[in-house]
Amino acid sequence: MTAVLDWLLITSWVVFSLAVLLLLAFVHACIKEQERRALVVALLAGLPVLGLFLCPLLLAFPARSIVLAVILAGGAVFLLLLWLPMGARQPLRIVADIEPVDERDAVFHRFYRLQPGSEDYQNYYRAHPQQQKPDEKIRALPALEAPGSKTHHPLTSAYQAACSHVLASCTQQLDQDPQPLGGRPVEASSAEFTRRVKGFAGYLGARLIGCTRLNPAYVYTHRARGAGRWGSPIELGHANAIAIGVAMSHQMVRQAPDSPTTTETTLQYFEAGKIAMILAEYIRLLGYPARAHVDGNYQLMCVPVAADAGLGELGRLGLLVTPQFGPRVRLAVVSTDLPLDADSPIDFGVQSFCAICKKCAYNCPSGSIARKDKGVFAGVEKWQSQQDSCYRYWRQAGSDCAVCVKVCPYSHPATRLHNLARYLVSRNHLARKLMLRADDFFYGRRPPKVPPPPPSWHDRTG
């Protein structure tokens, strides 16, 4: 009996030490991430639990061995239940032929080039009379970061404009013919081309890279932004696509819906566009057709292409949710006829987690994100956000909002602890429920009203 108790004590002290290290690691992460609430909750909840665990280790009493055995056995069973792959996940389902989208019907694109009184303006609203009144209400609001907008500041508003203007100046000539350096196309295997393309994209700064066959249904039917006549048909016959993702700063996203998030958005769109444009030129110099699709000049929808390329999954908030950064990413795509090896789509539990989480929907300032179950839209079973009310709030807030990105549990920094939580979420439904409750418990169902301050160079006190 003494030998059993000694073994239980040794094992319990090891487990207790690991628990202390886990608490210290979480406290350190909270301090580093400036998560004040999580830090306080961790200390108030963690220290008493450790104290209760410490009692049977230090105090001798008749049932001591039984108590220790129950604690160890219960903990082992609990961890096993979290780790075992149990319960079917809910993959994204395509239930019918996917219907192509007209870029003019996406409200975010309709306000950039469509000028009131123009022939295009009259033709569009003649064909879509139900859109004219709500669109005019949006047009009456100040543009993002413009004088009169909620977040306008003479020093900080120019940050976003600088990134956007430079990107726009670089993206007017994306449709170019191949010009092989050696006079004829370079020949290599698809595996070799894929290795080179991914390596170069990573060197240029891409954090996420994937290749896929380009689904023609994801190509816009008509253009609304970029070069070319507004409303002209889009013909893009490329066979393959390279999806590129860059990460947004967690510190800047936490400022949502204030202007630092818009600054970060425009910068990362520039970074993704830079990578895509250089990569497309590289492929054209190899002798193959290629076109970059970047902010302000798309001919396709980046999110479903990136999902096909294995970068992430479509989430409730309508954005790509990635294993590494959650929805805290910006995307660009290069379409091409360069032979490439296709990556496979991934399933790491996003559909199942989003079904129970709903944090983005409950925190959406405009109520644009669906709280109900999925429906079928354009052939895909998914949650459908309301674009009009979303963009109207952008104009009211003077920023691109991003509250949904900020509150998403997948948006936490890619530290070891957060990555462990992501891994467990991918395992089974019990882990998903527990991790959601833990996220609410430590970080709150709603974000703090006053986030940590933005970088000093971005304050609006001057």
Foldseek 3Di string as FASTA:
>chain_A
DVVLVVVLLVVLVVVLVVLVVVLVVQLVLCVVLVQVLLNVLSCVPVVVVSVVSCVLNPDDDDCSSVVSVCVVVVVVVVVVVLFAQDDDFDAWDQFDAFAAAAPCPQLVLVPPPQDPPDPVVVVVCVVVVVVVVLNVVLVVFDAFLDPPAPQHFPQQSVLLVVLVVVLLVVFQPQFDAFDAPVRAADDDDQAVVQVVLVVLLVVLPFPDKFKAFDDPSQFHQADRFHDDDHGDGDDDDFGMKMKTKHFFDLQQLLVFPHASVSSRVSNQLSSQQVSQSVSQNVNSNNPWHKGKAGPRRHRGDRAVNCQQRAQAGQAQVRAGQGLQATRRIDMMMMGINRRHDGDGGDCQRRNVLRLPQCLLQVAPPQNFGDPDAFDADSSITHTDGDSSSQSSVCSNNSGNGSQSLNLPLSRPHRDPVSSVLSNSSSRYDVSSVVSSVVCCSSQNSHHDPDGPDHPPSNDNPD
